Amino acid sequence: MEEFGVFGVFGINGPPQKLLSAHGSCRASVAIPASVHQVVLFSSGHWGERICVNAELNDADRFPITIGKLTPYNKCLSWEQWEEETWTNGVTLTITLEGGDLSKAEPERILAVKEYTPKDIADPLAPRELNKRKRGRTSEDADGDSKVAKTGEEEEEENTCPNGAQEKTTPVGKVKGQGKSSKRLFGGRAGASNVNGAALLISPSARWGQTLCPIDAQTAILIGGQGARMQFCKDPMWKLCTEDMSWMAAETLAEGPTPETRIGHTATFDPDSKRIFVFGGSKNRKWFNDVHILDTQTWRWSMVEAQGKVPPLAYHSCSMFRGELFVLGGVFPRPNPEPDGCSDSLYIFDPQLSIWYQPIVTGDKPSPRSGHSACVIQQRYIYVFGGWDTPVCYNDMYMLDLGLMEFSAVKTTGKAPSPRSWHGSAVLSDTKFLIHGGYNGNNALSDAFIFDIETHSWTEAALPQLSVPRAGHSIIAMETGSLHGFQEEGKSCRKTLLVFGGGDNEGNFYSDLTTVAVKELLDAL
């Protein structure tokens, strides 16, 4: 019987090399010369209970270039060398076998390996990395339409993520207002170790561009994100228990094909079907328009083969209304040498028919933008705020009447938030929603504002718990049960803001979790 093993293919003509064995070495490092244009890692044999394989591709300075994980549901990894990546001095692949009873490994099959030539890899029509695209300044014509004016050396980066050019260390994650944070690992206890005695992550790594999606009063799901030096997180999925604010790594908990790690995507929960819909996003030169569904009752992923057309989008907004996804705006790729563009279109996905369509919308709709926010109020209106289309950053407000399918510009009073994108937003009540932080094109922000749809007025809110500037963070408002060990008299739950992660545009990324009682926030207005 063939035992479980992990194999690697390096280069185009090289044979597979056995790197790890369930009954042999549990850790291996392989030096990869600069001439290799692709690395493929795959498994052979039956996966024992709770086995997983962590993989890191490191440069000459031992800093991760890319990272990944083999699991029973993701049995093959592939990395390609791109012209902007630093493989010129060679790299090192380090893999570690972790998990439960490795002695139960049984034969299965070897996964197919596809080989690529350098010509395939250098396809000029491949999607570009969002964070490294540049775009000329825009100007408005007499009709108010934006036009791109190429400015040579004065071009600015389009939709550059906060902290993208910096390389600073990240703070350790804690739950603010909770004392010491309570943490879990793969359903185990804090402080668990792998088979080699090395400590594993017991809370999410620092990141921005992720999603945090509540599914009930006790649970929220964290998906995706990107950390220091624009590296995608190797711990892309976590489950948050709001009863004690503990984290559980959840990547191996769900069966089925998991979505590829990404940023700028959306994750939207449908309370009727108990499913999370993950749409879009980007990863380096890859742009996504796929729909992945996580059934939170069976804990199984599935990928939708949808009809209709929707472009690859990142940093869009996605709202759930009557069981359908309303996707607005976002940035999309264009072939070289054109700059990437922002969308002003509205697309709707019908999960029952697995079809995308564009509705007929009237009125004054928002200009093209990405990094904006959208809040569904009273199950009748979607309020859209802010965003940007380089180099213009917005602080305008639009409302979509979902009954009439009509957009209108909202004239507001009071001190409005300054122009920003990648801010956090959350619905506080039937008439109010919150805007916090964001990025104005130069700096990350820390201020907070509450909008009242009845008076169309802005009010600045004091949030001392969130005084650190951040953008690309997640804010959700959910009915939590017995948070902080007590509950209001006569009530079984209370509405709470939960804020996670983000970056400050100075090289710092965060993994902290902050809680704010919504009632206290509204009472202070």
Protein backbone atom coordinates (compact mmCIF):
# COMPACT_ATOMS: atom_id res chain seq x y z
CA MET A 1 0.00 0.00 0.00
CA GLU A 2 1.24 3.42 -0.90
CA GLU A 3 1.42 5.76 2.08
CA PHE A 4 0.30 9.36 2.11
CA GLY A 5 2.88 11.68 0.60
CA VAL A 6 3.40 15.18 -0.75
CA PHE A 7 5.18 15.66 -4.07
CA GLY A 8 6.68 18.67 -5.84
CA VAL A 9 7.36 19.42 -9.49
CA PHE A 10 9.98 22.09 -10.21
CA GLY A 11 10.43 23.36 -13.75
CA ILE A 12 8.92 22.02 -16.93
CA ASN A 13 10.82 18.78 -17.53
CA GLY A 14 11.58 17.69 -13.99
CA PRO A 15 9.95 14.54 -12.53
CA PRO A 16 7.87 14.73 -9.31
CA GLN A 17 9.95 14.63 -6.15
CA LYS A 18 8.58 13.12 -2.95
CA LEU A 19 8.99 15.71 -0.21
CA LEU A 20 6.94 14.53 2.79
CA SER A 21 5.64 11.20 4.06
CA ALA A 22 3.12 10.32 6.74
CA HIS A 23 5.58 7.72 8.07
CA GLY A 24 8.74 9.73 7.45
CA SER A 25 9.73 13.37 7.49
CA CYS A 26 7.08 15.92 8.46
CA ARG A 27 9.01 18.97 7.33
CA ALA A 28 11.04 19.66 4.19
CA SER A 29 12.81 22.59 2.51
CA VAL A 30 13.74 22.64 -1.17
CA ALA A 31 15.95 25.23 -2.89
CA ILE A 32 14.43 26.34 -6.21
CA PRO A 33 16.75 27.91 -8.80
CA ALA A 34 15.89 31.16 -10.56
CA SER A 35 15.44 29.31 -13.86
CA VAL A 36 12.27 27.61 -12.60
CA HIS A 37 9.09 29.37 -13.76
CA GLN A 38 6.52 27.25 -11.97
CA VAL A 39 6.27 25.16 -8.81
CA VAL A 40 3.51 22.56 -8.35
CA LEU A 41 2.80 20.84 -5.02
CA PHE A 42 0.35 17.93 -4.86
CA SER A 43 -0.65 14.97 -2.70
CA SER A 44 -0.89 11.22 -3.17
CA GLY A 45 -2.62 8.80 -0.84
CA HIS A 46 -5.56 8.95 1.54
CA TRP A 47 -5.73 11.93 3.85
CA GLY A 48 -5.76 10.94 7.50
CA GLU A 49 -7.99 12.70 9.99
CA ARG A 50 -7.28 16.44 10.24
CA ILE A 51 -4.10 16.35 8.18
CA CYS A 52 -3.05 19.60 6.56
CA VAL A 53 0.16 20.74 4.85
CA ASN A 54 1.40 24.32 5.21
CA ALA A 55 3.58 25.64 2.38
CA GLU A 56 5.72 28.79 2.15
CA LEU A 57 7.75 30.08 -0.77
CA ASN A 58 10.50 32.32 0.64
CA ASP A 59 12.94 34.67 -1.04
CA ALA A 60 16.67 34.84 -0.33
CA ASP A 61 15.99 36.92 2.81
CA ARG A 62 13.59 34.26 4.16
CA PHE A 63 10.56 36.51 3.65
CA PRO A 64 7.46 34.76 2.27
CA ILE A 65 6.75 35.46 -1.39
CA THR A 66 3.59 33.39 -1.37
CA ILE A 67 1.89 30.94 0.94
CA GLY A 68 -0.71 28.21 0.74
CA LYS A 69 -2.17 25.11 2.35
CA LEU A 70 -2.95 21.58 1.18
CA THR A 71 -6.08 20.10 2.74
CA PRO A 72 -8.35 17.12 1.96
CA TYR A 73 -10.39 19.52 -0.17
CA ASN A 74 -7.55 21.48 -1.76
CA LYS A 75 -4.97 18.88 -2.77
CA CYS A 76 -2.86 20.84 -5.25
CA LEU A 77 -1.02 24.18 -5.19
CA SER A 78 0.67 25.98 -8.07
CA TRP A 79 2.88 29.08 -8.12
CA GLU A 80 4.04 30.90 -11.24
CA GLN A 81 6.95 33.32 -11.55
CA TRP A 82 5.84 36.72 -12.84
CA GLU A 83 8.10 39.40 -14.20
CA GLU A 84 7.57 41.66 -11.18
CA GLU A 85 8.36 38.97 -8.61
CA THR A 86 11.81 38.61 -7.13
CA TRP A 87 12.84 35.07 -8.01
CA THR A 88 16.10 36.20 -9.61
CA ASN A 89 18.21 34.96 -6.69
CA GLY A 90 16.29 31.72 -6.26
CA VAL A 91 13.71 30.83 -3.62
CA THR A 92 13.12 28.17 -0.98
CA LEU A 93 9.95 26.07 -0.63
CA THR A 94 9.26 24.98 2.96
CA ILE A 95 6.41 22.59 3.71
CA THR A 96 5.20 21.18 7.02
CA LEU A 97 2.87 18.23 7.58
CA GLU A 98 0.46 18.73 10.46
CA GLY A 99 -2.64 17.03 11.78
CA GLY A 100 -4.12 14.08 13.61
CA ASP A 101 -3.46 10.35 13.25
CA LEU A 102 -1.07 10.15 10.29
CA SER A 103 -0.91 6.36 10.52
CA LYS A 104 -4.37 6.04 8.93
CA ALA A 105 -3.15 7.27 5.56
CA GLU A 106 -4.23 5.00 2.72
CA PRO A 107 -3.71 5.03 -1.06
CA GLU A 108 -5.79 7.31 -3.19
CA ARG A 109 -4.59 8.97 -6.38
CA ILE A 110 -2.03 11.41 -7.72
CA LEU A 111 -3.49 14.67 -8.93
CA ALA A 112 -2.74 15.83 -12.45
CA VAL A 113 -0.03 18.44 -12.88
CA LYS A 114 -0.28 20.98 -15.70
CA GLU A 115 3.00 22.38 -17.02
CA TYR A 116 3.41 25.94 -18.24
CA THR A 117 6.14 27.45 -20.37
CA PRO A 118 7.51 30.94 -19.75
CA LYS A 119 5.57 32.05 -22.84
CA ASP A 120 2.30 30.96 -21.23
CA ILE A 121 3.14 32.78 -18.03
CA ALA A 122 3.97 36.05 -19.77
CA ASP A 123 0.56 36.35 -21.46
CA PRO A 124 0.13 40.12 -21.91
CA LEU A 125 -3.65 39.82 -21.62
CA ALA A 126 -3.54 38.25 -18.17
CA PRO A 127 -5.29 40.37 -15.49
CA ARG A 128 -2.93 42.74 -13.73
CA GLU A 129 -2.35 43.07 -10.01
CA LEU A 130 -4.75 45.64 -8.65
CA ASN A 131 -2.25 47.19 -6.27
CA LYS A 132 0.38 47.89 -8.93
CA ARG A 133 -1.74 49.36 -11.72
CA LYS A 134 -1.27 53.03 -12.53
CA ARG A 135 -3.77 55.46 -13.89
CA GLY A 136 -3.54 58.98 -15.19
CA ARG A 137 -5.37 61.85 -13.59
CA THR A 138 -8.95 62.44 -14.62
CA SER A 139 -10.63 65.59 -15.72
CA GLU A 140 -14.29 66.38 -16.21
CA ASP A 141 -15.74 67.54 -19.48
CA ALA A 142 -18.65 69.92 -19.86
CA ASP A 143 -21.13 67.12 -19.20
CA GLY A 144 -19.41 66.09 -15.98
CA ASP A 145 -18.05 62.86 -17.40
CA SER A 146 -14.59 61.82 -16.26
CA LYS A 147 -11.85 61.37 -18.81
CA VAL A 148 -8.42 59.85 -18.31
CA ALA A 149 -5.50 62.14 -19.09
CA LYS A 150 -2.17 60.35 -19.28
CA THR A 151 0.48 62.30 -17.46
CA GLY A 152 3.62 60.23 -17.97
CA GLU A 153 5.72 60.29 -14.82
CA GLU A 154 2.90 62.00 -12.93
CA GLU A 155 0.67 58.93 -13.15
CA GLU A 156 -0.73 57.81 -9.82
CA GLU A 157 -1.32 54.27 -8.63
CA GLU A 158 -4.90 53.21 -9.01
CA ASN A 159 -6.68 51.84 -5.97
CA THR A 160 -3.38 51.21 -4.23
CA CYS A 161 -4.08 49.39 -1.01
CA PRO A 162 -3.10 51.03 2.27
CA ASN A 163 0.40 50.04 3.40
CA GLY A 164 1.25 48.47 0.07
CA ALA A 165 4.73 49.98 -0.17
CA GLN A 166 5.70 49.67 3.47
CA GLU A 167 7.26 46.81 5.41
CA LYS A 168 6.54 47.24 9.11
CA THR A 169 5.71 44.70 11.76
CA THR A 170 2.12 44.06 12.79
CA PRO A 171 0.56 44.37 16.22
CA VAL A 172 -0.61 41.32 18.15
CA GLY A 173 -4.38 40.88 18.01
CA LYS A 174 -6.45 41.47 21.14
CA VAL A 175 -10.09 41.98 22.00
CA LYS A 176 -10.39 45.55 23.22
CA GLY A 177 -12.66 46.07 26.21
CA GLN A 178 -12.49 42.35 26.98
CA GLY A 179 -9.28 42.08 28.99
CA LYS A 180 -7.19 39.16 27.82
CA SER A 181 -8.37 37.72 24.55
CA SER A 182 -9.73 34.19 24.48
CA LYS A 183 -8.39 32.13 21.58
CA ARG A 184 -8.84 28.70 20.04
CA LEU A 185 -7.08 26.60 17.42
CA PHE A 186 -8.83 24.16 15.05
CA GLY A 187 -11.37 23.51 17.76
CA GLY A 188 -8.57 22.86 20.28
CA ARG A 189 -7.27 24.85 23.21
CA ALA A 190 -5.10 27.92 23.22
CA GLY A 191 -1.41 27.18 23.02
CA ALA A 192 -1.76 24.03 20.90
CA SER A 193 1.28 22.95 18.89
CA ASN A 194 1.85 21.09 15.66
CA VAL A 195 3.62 17.74 15.34
CA ASN A 196 7.03 19.42 15.41
CA GLY A 197 6.28 21.43 18.52
CA ALA A 198 6.01 24.74 16.64
CA ALA A 199 3.28 27.10 17.78
CA LEU A 200 0.34 27.56 15.40
CA LEU A 201 -1.87 30.59 14.88
CA ILE A 202 -4.57 30.91 17.55
CA SER A 203 -6.09 34.13 16.20
CA PRO A 204 -6.24 35.65 12.72
CA SER A 205 -3.08 37.22 11.37
CA ALA A 206 -3.04 40.97 10.74
CA ARG A 207 -4.72 41.92 7.46
CA TRP A 208 -6.83 44.30 5.42
CA GLY A 209 -9.35 43.75 2.60
CA GLN A 210 -11.04 40.79 4.30
CA THR A 211 -14.74 40.23 5.04
CA LEU A 212 -16.38 39.53 8.41
CA CYS A 213 -19.84 38.06 7.95
CA PRO A 214 -22.30 37.41 10.84
CA ILE A 215 -24.41 34.27 10.52
CA ASP A 216 -26.20 34.21 13.90
CA ALA A 217 -26.08 35.89 17.32
CA GLN A 218 -23.09 33.80 18.36
CA THR A 219 -21.03 33.47 15.19
CA ALA A 220 -19.28 35.49 12.48
CA ILE A 221 -17.06 34.17 9.68
CA LEU A 222 -13.82 35.88 8.58
CA ILE A 223 -12.75 35.27 4.95
CA GLY A 224 -9.65 36.35 3.01
CA GLY A 225 -7.35 39.34 3.41
CA GLN A 226 -3.84 40.56 2.74
CA GLY A 227 -1.01 41.44 5.12
CA ALA A 228 2.50 42.92 5.12
CA ARG A 229 4.36 43.28 1.81
CA MET A 230 1.10 42.52 -0.01
CA GLN A 231 1.22 38.85 1.00
CA PHE A 232 -2.08 37.01 1.03
CA CYS A 233 -2.98 35.48 4.37
CA LYS A 234 -2.19 31.79 4.78
CA ASP A 235 -4.96 31.60 7.40
CA PRO A 236 -7.81 32.88 5.20
CA MET A 237 -10.83 31.61 7.14
CA TRP A 238 -11.77 31.91 10.81
CA LYS A 239 -14.88 31.47 12.91
CA LEU A 240 -15.56 34.03 15.66
CA CYS A 241 -17.61 33.01 18.70
CA THR A 242 -19.14 36.19 20.11
CA GLU A 243 -20.05 34.61 23.46
CA ASP A 244 -16.44 34.78 24.63
CA MET A 245 -14.85 36.53 21.59
CA SER A 246 -12.74 33.47 20.78
CA TRP A 247 -11.41 32.56 17.34
CA MET A 248 -11.35 29.15 15.69
CA ALA A 249 -9.40 28.46 12.49
CA ALA A 250 -12.08 27.28 10.07
CA GLU A 251 -10.35 26.58 6.75
CA THR A 252 -10.43 22.81 7.28
CA LEU A 253 -13.85 22.69 8.94
CA ALA A 254 -15.89 23.05 5.74
CA GLU A 255 -15.93 20.48 2.94
CA GLY A 256 -15.97 21.18 -0.77
CA PRO A 257 -13.89 23.51 -3.00
CA THR A 258 -12.86 26.54 -0.95
CA PRO A 259 -12.53 29.94 -2.64
CA GLU A 260 -9.02 31.01 -3.55
CA THR A 261 -7.63 33.56 -1.07
CA ARG A 262 -8.41 37.10 -2.20
CA ILE A 263 -9.06 40.71 -1.19
CA GLY A 264 -11.69 43.22 -2.26
CA HIS A 265 -14.37 40.52 -2.36
CA THR A 266 -17.74 40.52 -0.62
CA ALA A 267 -19.29 37.89 1.66
CA THR A 268 -23.05 38.22 2.17
CA PHE A 269 -25.23 36.07 4.40
CA ASP A 270 -28.78 35.08 3.47
CA PRO A 271 -30.69 34.43 6.74
CA ASP A 272 -33.42 32.50 4.92
CA SER A 273 -31.21 29.89 3.26
CA LYS A 274 -28.45 30.10 5.90
CA ARG A 275 -25.81 30.49 3.19
CA ILE A 276 -22.85 32.86 2.68
CA PHE A 277 -22.29 34.13 -0.86
CA VAL A 278 -18.69 35.10 -1.69
CA PHE A 279 -18.30 37.12 -4.88
CA GLY A 280 -15.43 38.74 -6.79
CA GLY A 281 -12.21 40.18 -5.47
CA SER A 282 -8.64 40.01 -6.76
CA LYS A 283 -5.35 38.23 -6.09
CA ASN A 284 -2.27 39.64 -7.77
CA ARG A 285 -3.03 39.40 -11.49
CA LYS A 286 -6.13 37.30 -10.98
CA TRP A 287 -9.54 38.95 -10.95
CA PHE A 288 -12.63 37.05 -9.94
CA ASN A 289 -16.29 37.05 -10.96
CA ASP A 290 -17.03 33.67 -9.42
CA VAL A 291 -19.72 32.95 -6.82
CA HIS A 292 -18.87 30.58 -3.97
CA ILE A 293 -21.53 29.48 -1.50
CA LEU A 294 -20.92 28.23 2.04
CA ASP A 295 -23.90 26.39 3.50
CA THR A 296 -23.59 27.13 7.22
CA GLN A 297 -25.89 24.22 8.13
CA THR A 298 -23.91 21.50 6.34
CA TRP A 299 -20.58 23.42 6.34
CA ARG A 300 -19.92 22.66 2.72
CA TRP A 301 -18.60 24.93 -0.03
CA SER A 302 -19.97 24.89 -3.57
CA MET A 303 -19.14 26.96 -6.64
CA VAL A 304 -21.96 28.29 -8.82
CA GLU A 305 -21.97 27.79 -12.56
CA ALA A 306 -23.94 30.95 -13.21
CA GLN A 307 -25.63 32.09 -16.40
CA GLY A 308 -25.56 35.69 -17.57
CA LYS A 309 -22.61 38.04 -17.59
CA VAL A 310 -20.92 39.93 -14.80
CA PRO A 311 -17.39 41.37 -15.08
CA PRO A 312 -14.59 40.52 -12.66
CA LEU A 313 -14.93 43.08 -9.87
CA ALA A 314 -13.10 44.05 -6.69
CA TYR A 315 -13.88 46.64 -4.00
CA HIS A 316 -17.53 46.64 -5.07
CA SER A 317 -20.51 46.59 -2.69
CA CYS A 318 -22.92 43.69 -2.33
CA SER A 319 -26.31 43.87 -0.62
CA MET A 320 -28.86 41.13 0.05
CA PHE A 321 -32.49 41.98 -0.74
CA ARG A 322 -35.28 39.40 -0.96
CA GLY A 323 -32.84 36.59 -1.53
CA GLU A 324 -30.91 38.29 -4.36
CA LEU A 325 -27.44 39.89 -4.41
CA PHE A 326 -27.23 43.52 -5.53
CA VAL A 327 -23.64 44.22 -6.70
CA LEU A 328 -22.80 47.87 -7.37
CA GLY A 329 -19.65 49.53 -8.69
CA GLY A 330 -16.15 48.18 -8.13
CA VAL A 331 -12.92 48.19 -10.10
CA PHE A 332 -12.38 45.88 -13.08
CA PRO A 333 -9.33 44.96 -15.21
CA ARG A 334 -8.60 46.13 -18.74
CA PRO A 335 -6.00 44.79 -21.18
CA ASN A 336 -2.62 46.52 -21.29
CA PRO A 337 -1.86 49.35 -21.69
CA GLU A 338 -5.26 50.72 -20.64
CA PRO A 339 -5.70 51.53 -16.95
CA ASP A 340 -8.13 49.53 -14.87
CA GLY A 341 -11.57 51.11 -14.68
CA CYS A 342 -14.31 51.68 -12.14
CA SER A 343 -17.90 50.62 -12.72
CA ASP A 344 -21.18 52.45 -12.18
CA SER A 345 -23.31 49.41 -13.09
CA LEU A 346 -25.73 47.44 -10.94
CA TYR A 347 -25.77 43.65 -11.33
CA ILE A 348 -28.19 41.29 -9.60
CA PHE A 349 -27.58 37.60 -8.91
CA ASP A 350 -30.58 35.31 -8.49
CA PRO A 351 -29.43 32.21 -6.53
CA GLN A 352 -32.58 30.22 -7.32
CA LEU A 353 -32.00 30.48 -11.08
CA SER A 354 -28.18 30.85 -10.80
CA ILE A 355 -28.31 33.78 -13.21
CA TRP A 356 -26.87 37.31 -13.38
CA TYR A 357 -28.93 40.12 -14.87
CA GLN A 358 -28.92 43.92 -15.02
CA PRO A 359 -32.14 45.61 -13.91
CA ILE A 360 -33.65 48.71 -15.47
CA VAL A 361 -32.72 51.54 -13.09
CA THR A 362 -33.87 55.14 -13.35
CA GLY A 363 -32.90 58.37 -11.65
CA ASP A 364 -29.58 59.99 -10.75
CA LYS A 365 -27.15 57.10 -10.20
CA PRO A 366 -23.68 57.33 -8.60
CA SER A 367 -20.64 57.95 -10.80
CA PRO A 368 -18.19 55.05 -11.31
CA ARG A 369 -16.37 54.18 -8.07
CA SER A 370 -14.85 51.49 -5.92
CA GLY A 371 -14.17 51.13 -2.21
CA HIS A 372 -17.55 52.65 -1.37
CA SER A 373 -20.08 51.36 1.17
CA ALA A 374 -23.72 50.32 0.79
CA CYS A 375 -26.23 49.89 3.63
CA VAL A 376 -29.68 48.29 3.34
CA ILE A 377 -32.17 50.20 5.50
CA GLN A 378 -35.72 49.10 6.35
CA GLN A 379 -35.50 46.42 3.66
CA ARG A 380 -36.46 49.12 1.18
CA TYR A 381 -33.47 51.38 0.55
CA ILE A 382 -29.76 51.01 -0.22
CA TYR A 383 -27.66 54.01 0.83
CA VAL A 384 -24.35 54.33 -1.04
CA PHE A 385 -21.58 56.50 0.40
CA GLY A 386 -18.09 57.53 -0.70
CA GLY A 387 -15.56 55.52 -2.69
CA TRP A 388 -13.10 56.65 -5.32
CA ASP A 389 -12.15 56.57 -8.98
CA THR A 390 -8.51 57.64 -9.04
CA PRO A 391 -7.60 60.36 -8.35
CA VAL A 392 -11.05 61.55 -7.22
CA CYS A 393 -12.27 60.53 -3.75
CA TYR A 394 -15.95 60.99 -2.89
CA ASN A 395 -18.10 61.81 0.12
CA ASP A 396 -21.42 62.02 -1.69
CA MET A 397 -24.52 60.00 -0.83
CA TYR A 398 -26.97 58.19 -3.10
CA MET A 399 -30.10 56.23 -2.31
CA LEU A 400 -31.59 53.38 -4.33
CA ASP A 401 -35.31 52.85 -3.78
CA LEU A 402 -35.63 49.07 -4.16
CA GLY A 403 -39.37 49.29 -4.75
CA LEU A 404 -39.12 51.78 -7.62
CA MET A 405 -35.57 50.78 -8.68
CA GLU A 406 -34.76 54.49 -8.77
CA PHE A 407 -31.54 56.21 -7.72
CA SER A 408 -31.49 59.69 -6.21
CA ALA A 409 -28.75 61.93 -4.83
CA VAL A 410 -29.22 62.62 -1.11
CA LYS A 411 -28.79 66.19 0.06
CA THR A 412 -27.42 66.06 3.58
CA THR A 413 -27.04 68.49 6.48
CA GLY A 414 -24.57 68.61 9.35
CA LYS A 415 -20.86 67.90 9.27
CA ALA A 416 -20.35 65.21 6.63
CA PRO A 417 -17.44 62.74 6.56
CA SER A 418 -14.54 63.90 4.42
CA PRO A 419 -14.01 62.09 1.07
CA ARG A 420 -12.87 58.50 1.62
CA SER A 421 -12.87 54.92 0.42
CA TRP A 422 -12.26 51.53 2.06
CA HIS A 423 -14.11 52.77 5.13
CA GLY A 424 -16.23 50.64 7.44
CA SER A 425 -20.01 50.92 7.62
CA ALA A 426 -22.77 49.25 9.61
CA VAL A 427 -26.52 49.65 10.12
CA LEU A 428 -27.27 50.70 13.71
CA SER A 429 -31.07 50.91 13.61
CA ASP A 430 -34.01 51.28 11.23
CA THR A 431 -33.03 54.89 10.61
CA LYS A 432 -29.29 55.17 11.27
CA PHE A 433 -26.01 53.79 9.96
CA LEU A 434 -22.34 54.36 10.82
CA ILE A 435 -19.33 55.35 8.72
CA HIS A 436 -15.88 54.88 10.26
CA GLY A 437 -12.28 55.37 9.11
CA GLY A 438 -11.17 54.80 5.53
CA TYR A 439 -8.53 56.14 3.18
CA ASN A 440 -8.57 59.59 1.55
CA GLY A 441 -5.83 58.98 -1.01
CA ASN A 442 -3.05 60.09 1.34
CA ASN A 443 -3.86 58.99 4.88
CA ALA A 444 -5.93 56.50 6.81
CA LEU A 445 -8.68 58.01 8.96
CA SER A 446 -10.10 57.29 12.42
CA ASP A 447 -13.19 59.50 12.68
CA ALA A 448 -16.78 58.21 12.82
CA PHE A 449 -20.11 59.61 11.67
CA ILE A 450 -23.74 58.53 11.98
CA PHE A 451 -26.31 59.29 9.27
CA ASP A 452 -30.03 59.63 10.03
CA ILE A 453 -32.20 58.81 7.00
CA GLU A 454 -35.22 60.61 8.49
CA THR A 455 -33.49 63.98 8.90
CA HIS A 456 -30.83 63.40 6.19
CA SER A 457 -28.30 64.68 8.73
CA TRP A 458 -24.76 63.68 9.68
CA THR A 459 -23.57 63.64 13.29
CA GLU A 460 -19.94 63.06 14.27
CA ALA A 461 -19.60 60.30 16.85
CA ALA A 462 -16.92 59.81 19.49
CA LEU A 463 -15.36 56.35 19.35
CA PRO A 464 -12.27 56.43 21.60
CA GLN A 465 -11.98 52.64 21.25
CA LEU A 466 -11.23 53.19 17.55
CA SER A 467 -8.81 56.09 17.72
CA VAL A 468 -6.16 54.37 15.56
CA PRO A 469 -6.50 55.31 11.87
CA ARG A 470 -7.41 52.35 9.70
CA ALA A 471 -8.79 51.45 6.30
CA GLY A 472 -9.83 48.19 4.69
CA HIS A 473 -11.16 46.99 8.04
CA SER A 474 -14.39 45.12 8.75
CA ILE A 475 -17.30 46.51 10.76
CA ILE A 476 -20.44 44.51 11.49
CA ALA A 477 -23.41 45.16 13.78
CA MET A 478 -25.03 42.06 15.19
CA GLU A 479 -27.38 40.97 17.93
CA THR A 480 -25.00 39.26 20.34
CA GLY A 481 -26.06 37.10 23.25
CA SER A 482 -24.81 37.90 26.77
CA LEU A 483 -21.78 39.82 25.51
CA HIS A 484 -19.30 40.80 28.25
CA GLY A 485 -21.00 38.36 30.61
CA PHE A 486 -24.24 40.30 31.16
CA GLN A 487 -27.41 41.22 29.34
CA GLU A 488 -30.03 43.91 29.57
CA GLU A 489 -32.98 43.24 31.82
CA GLY A 490 -35.83 41.60 29.95
CA LYS A 491 -33.71 41.13 26.85
CA SER A 492 -31.72 38.11 25.70
CA CYS A 493 -29.36 39.99 23.42
CA ARG A 494 -28.00 43.41 22.54
CA LYS A 495 -26.75 44.98 19.34
CA THR A 496 -22.98 45.32 19.22
CA LEU A 497 -20.47 46.71 16.75
CA LEU A 498 -17.50 44.44 16.06
CA VAL A 499 -14.48 45.95 14.30
CA PHE A 500 -11.60 43.83 13.00
CA GLY A 501 -8.30 44.45 11.22
CA GLY A 502 -7.39 47.02 8.61
CA GLY A 503 -4.23 49.03 7.93
CA ASP A 504 -3.01 52.56 8.61
CA ASN A 505 -1.14 53.34 5.33
CA GLU A 506 2.11 53.50 7.32
CA GLY A 507 2.97 49.83 7.04
CA ASN A 508 0.97 48.63 10.04
CA PHE A 509 -1.72 45.97 9.71
CA TYR A 510 -4.06 45.05 12.55
CA SER A 511 -5.51 41.87 13.96
CA ASP A 512 -7.32 43.44 16.89
CA LEU A 513 -11.03 42.92 17.57
CA THR A 514 -12.91 45.85 19.13
CA THR A 515 -16.47 45.80 20.47
CA VAL A 516 -18.78 48.82 20.90
CA ALA A 517 -22.31 48.69 22.35
CA VAL A 518 -24.68 50.27 19.82
CA LYS A 519 -27.04 51.55 22.53
CA GLU A 520 -24.24 53.45 24.25
CA LEU A 521 -23.14 54.88 20.91
CA LEU A 522 -26.64 56.14 20.04
CA ASP A 523 -27.30 57.43 23.57
CA ALA A 524 -24.19 59.59 23.32
CA LEU A 525 -25.50 61.49 20.26
